[in-house]
Amino acid sequence: MMDKKIDLGNLFAFYGGILTRHQQQILKAYLYEDHSLKEISENHKISRQGVHDSIRRSEAILMDLEDKLGLYALQEALVKLKMTFESFKKDPSQEEGLALMEQQLLAMEKILES
């Protein structure tokens, strides 16, 4: 459950601007302020089921965007590649660093191909 919430938070931070203001407010309360569905429903004057539906719809929108665009995955791959490259620069004799860099490049190529 926690990993799913973290993943949703990452996607929200990356693509959240595409959501309506209302969806953004509900997700912020749910993800960042750790409010319960009941607390959010009371604050926004909607039913608990309405809050749940809004969160699920927002999650579906964000996941669909990532599935189609893959920009968040690409950014993560670039960050990993940069970290690997920085460690490799410190010690060029380190073959392990080169192998890791090659793995990251292959991962980026797969993302770019899809």
C-alpha atoms as a PDB file:
ATOM      1  CA  MET A   1       0.000   0.000   0.000  1.00  0.00           C
ATOM      2  CA  MET A   2       2.775   2.421   0.895  1.00  0.00           C
ATOM      3  CA  ASP A   3       4.623   1.906  -2.379  1.00  0.00           C
ATOM      4  CA  LYS A   4       1.449   2.601  -4.344  1.00  0.00           C
ATOM      5  CA  LYS A   5       0.894   5.821  -2.400  1.00  0.00           C
ATOM      6  CA  ILE A   6       4.518   6.875  -2.956  1.00  0.00           C
ATOM      7  CA  ASP A   7       4.228   6.117  -6.672  1.00  0.00           C
ATOM      8  CA  LEU A   8       1.015   8.142  -6.848  1.00  0.00           C
ATOM      9  CA  GLY A   9       2.744  11.010  -5.023  1.00  0.00           C
ATOM     10  CA  ASN A  10       5.619  10.950  -7.501  1.00  0.00           C
ATOM     11  CA  LEU A  11       3.258  10.968 -10.473  1.00  0.00           C
ATOM     12  CA  PHE A  12       1.211  13.741  -8.866  1.00  0.00           C
ATOM     13  CA  ALA A  13       4.340  15.841  -8.347  1.00  0.00           C
ATOM     14  CA  PHE A  14       5.283  15.304 -11.989  1.00  0.00           C
ATOM     15  CA  TYR A  15       1.925  15.493 -13.804  1.00  0.00           C
ATOM     16  CA  GLY A  16      -0.370  17.030 -11.172  1.00  0.00           C
ATOM     17  CA  GLY A  17      -0.870  20.262 -13.094  1.00  0.00           C
ATOM     18  CA  ILE A  18      -3.043  18.421 -15.597  1.00  0.00           C
ATOM     19  CA  LEU A  19      -5.678  17.649 -12.950  1.00  0.00           C
ATOM     20  CA  THR A  20      -8.512  19.986 -12.038  1.00  0.00           C
ATOM     21  CA  ARG A  21      -8.016  22.266  -9.066  1.00  0.00           C
ATOM     22  CA  HIS A  22     -10.515  20.200  -7.078  1.00  0.00           C
ATOM     23  CA  GLN A  23      -8.681  16.943  -7.857  1.00  0.00           C
ATOM     24  CA  GLN A  24      -5.371  18.583  -6.922  1.00  0.00           C
ATOM     25  CA  GLN A  25      -6.731  19.749  -3.559  1.00  0.00           C
ATOM     26  CA  ILE A  26      -8.072  16.308  -2.712  1.00  0.00           C
ATOM     27  CA  LEU A  27      -4.846  14.539  -3.712  1.00  0.00           C
ATOM     28  CA  LYS A  28      -2.722  17.039  -1.775  1.00  0.00           C
ATOM     29  CA  ALA A  29      -4.782  16.403   1.349  1.00  0.00           C
ATOM     30  CA  TYR A  30      -4.605  12.640   0.827  1.00  0.00           C
ATOM     31  CA  LEU A  31      -0.939  12.353  -0.144  1.00  0.00           C
ATOM     32  CA  TYR A  32       0.905  15.201   1.539  1.00  0.00           C
ATOM     33  CA  GLU A  33      -1.248  16.080   4.535  1.00  0.00           C
ATOM     34  CA  ASP A  34      -2.113  12.432   5.247  1.00  0.00           C
ATOM     35  CA  HIS A  35      -5.798  13.207   5.842  1.00  0.00           C
ATOM     36  CA  SER A  36      -8.292  10.380   6.008  1.00  0.00           C
ATOM     37  CA  LEU A  37     -11.096  10.110   3.470  1.00  0.00           C
ATOM     38  CA  LYS A  38     -13.503  11.248   6.196  1.00  0.00           C
ATOM     39  CA  GLU A  39     -11.438  14.366   6.957  1.00  0.00           C
ATOM     40  CA  ILE A  40     -11.180  15.245   3.284  1.00  0.00           C
ATOM     41  CA  SER A  41     -14.917  14.710   2.768  1.00  0.00           C
ATOM     42  CA  GLU A  42     -15.722  17.014   5.687  1.00  0.00           C
ATOM     43  CA  ASN A  43     -13.314  19.713   4.481  1.00  0.00           C
ATOM     44  CA  HIS A  44     -14.568  19.615   0.883  1.00  0.00           C
ATOM     45  CA  LYS A  45     -18.244  19.055   1.722  1.00  0.00           C
ATOM     46  CA  ILE A  46     -18.516  15.897  -0.373  1.00  0.00           C
ATOM     47  CA  SER A  47     -19.198  12.286   0.526  1.00  0.00           C
ATOM     48  CA  ARG A  48     -16.484   9.881   1.542  1.00  0.00           C
ATOM     49  CA  GLN A  49     -17.305   7.889  -1.590  1.00  0.00           C
ATOM     50  CA  GLY A  50     -16.897  11.072  -3.641  1.00  0.00           C
ATOM     51  CA  VAL A  51     -13.416  11.554  -2.201  1.00  0.00           C
ATOM     52  CA  HIS A  52     -12.539   7.938  -2.925  1.00  0.00           C
ATOM     53  CA  ASP A  53     -13.820   8.239  -6.506  1.00  0.00           C
ATOM     54  CA  SER A  54     -11.904  11.478  -7.061  1.00  0.00           C
ATOM     55  CA  ILE A  55      -8.665   9.900  -5.827  1.00  0.00           C
ATOM     56  CA  ARG A  56      -9.147   6.829  -8.043  1.00  0.00           C
ATOM     57  CA  ARG A  57     -10.033   8.947 -11.110  1.00  0.00           C
ATOM     58  CA  SER A  58      -7.009  11.168 -10.517  1.00  0.00           C
ATOM     59  CA  GLU A  59      -4.802   8.114 -10.079  1.00  0.00           C
ATOM     60  CA  ALA A  60      -6.113   6.651 -13.350  1.00  0.00           C
ATOM     61  CA  ILE A  61      -5.436   9.924 -15.197  1.00  0.00           C
ATOM     62  CA  LEU A  62      -1.885  10.174 -13.849  1.00  0.00           C
ATOM     63  CA  MET A  63      -1.079   6.530 -14.551  1.00  0.00           C
ATOM     64  CA  ASP A  64      -2.514   6.795 -18.065  1.00  0.00           C
ATOM     65  CA  LEU A  65      -0.339   9.834 -18.741  1.00  0.00           C
ATOM     66  CA  GLU A  66       2.749   7.997 -17.548  1.00  0.00           C
ATOM     67  CA  ASP A  67       1.847   4.893 -19.563  1.00  0.00           C
ATOM     68  CA  LYS A  68       1.464   6.970 -22.718  1.00  0.00           C
ATOM     69  CA  LEU A  69       4.278   9.488 -22.236  1.00  0.00           C
ATOM     70  CA  GLY A  70       6.749   7.740 -19.938  1.00  0.00           C
ATOM     71  CA  LEU A  71       8.292  11.062 -18.951  1.00  0.00           C
ATOM     72  CA  TYR A  72       8.590  10.262 -15.254  1.00  0.00           C
ATOM     73  CA  ALA A  73      10.307   6.930 -15.984  1.00  0.00           C
ATOM     74  CA  LEU A  74      12.631   8.683 -18.404  1.00  0.00           C
ATOM     75  CA  GLN A  75      13.511  11.303 -15.796  1.00  0.00           C
ATOM     76  CA  GLU A  76      14.227   8.576 -13.231  1.00  0.00           C
ATOM     77  CA  ALA A  77      16.449   6.731 -15.718  1.00  0.00           C
ATOM     78  CA  LEU A  78      18.346   9.937 -16.458  1.00  0.00           C
ATOM     79  CA  VAL A  79      18.892  10.600 -12.750  1.00  0.00           C
ATOM     80  CA  LYS A  80      20.246   7.063 -12.253  1.00  0.00           C
ATOM     81  CA  LEU A  81      22.477   7.405 -15.286  1.00  0.00           C
ATOM     82  CA  LYS A  82      23.875  10.699 -14.025  1.00  0.00           C
ATOM     83  CA  MET A  83      24.603   9.184 -10.600  1.00  0.00           C
ATOM     84  CA  THR A  84      26.332   6.221 -12.230  1.00  0.00           C
ATOM     85  CA  PHE A  85      28.319   8.493 -14.492  1.00  0.00           C
ATOM     86  CA  GLU A  86      29.440  10.644 -11.554  1.00  0.00           C
ATOM     87  CA  SER A  87      30.678   7.586  -9.661  1.00  0.00           C
ATOM     88  CA  PHE A  88      32.415   6.306 -12.793  1.00  0.00           C
ATOM     89  CA  LYS A  89      34.155   9.657 -13.304  1.00  0.00           C
ATOM     90  CA  LYS A  90      35.720   9.375  -9.870  1.00  0.00           C
ATOM     91  CA  ASP A  91      37.356   6.051 -10.685  1.00  0.00           C
ATOM     92  CA  PRO A  92      37.624   5.258 -14.416  1.00  0.00           C
ATOM     93  CA  SER A  93      39.284   1.942 -13.662  1.00  0.00           C
ATOM     94  CA  GLN A  94      36.058   0.731 -12.121  1.00  0.00           C
ATOM     95  CA  GLU A  95      34.536  -1.623 -14.688  1.00  0.00           C
ATOM     96  CA  GLU A  96      31.460  -2.088 -12.535  1.00  0.00           C
ATOM     97  CA  GLY A  97      30.590   1.577 -13.040  1.00  0.00           C
ATOM     98  CA  LEU A  98      30.832   1.211 -16.775  1.00  0.00           C
ATOM     99  CA  ALA A  99      28.581  -1.863 -16.693  1.00  0.00           C
ATOM    100  CA  LEU A 100      25.985  -0.006 -14.605  1.00  0.00           C
ATOM    101  CA  MET A 101      26.091   2.919 -16.991  1.00  0.00           C
ATOM    102  CA  GLU A 102      25.540   0.591 -19.921  1.00  0.00           C
ATOM    103  CA  GLN A 103      22.515  -0.955 -18.157  1.00  0.00           C
ATOM    104  CA  GLN A 104      21.018   2.483 -17.582  1.00  0.00           C
ATOM    105  CA  LEU A 105      21.576   3.470 -21.191  1.00  0.00           C
ATOM    106  CA  LEU A 106      19.797   0.310 -22.337  1.00  0.00           C
ATOM    107  CA  ALA A 107      16.895   1.091 -19.999  1.00  0.00           C
ATOM    108  CA  MET A 108      16.642   4.601 -21.446  1.00  0.00           C
ATOM    109  CA  GLU A 109      16.710   3.231 -24.981  1.00  0.00           C
ATOM    110  CA  LYS A 110      13.815   0.889 -24.153  1.00  0.00           C
ATOM    111  CA  ILE A 111      11.822   3.794 -22.740  1.00  0.00           C
ATOM    112  CA  LEU A 112      12.533   5.948 -25.762  1.00  0.00           C
ATOM    113  CA  GLU A 113      11.541   3.141 -28.158  1.00  0.00           C
ATOM    114  CA  SER A 114       8.119   2.654 -26.590  1.00  0.00           C
END
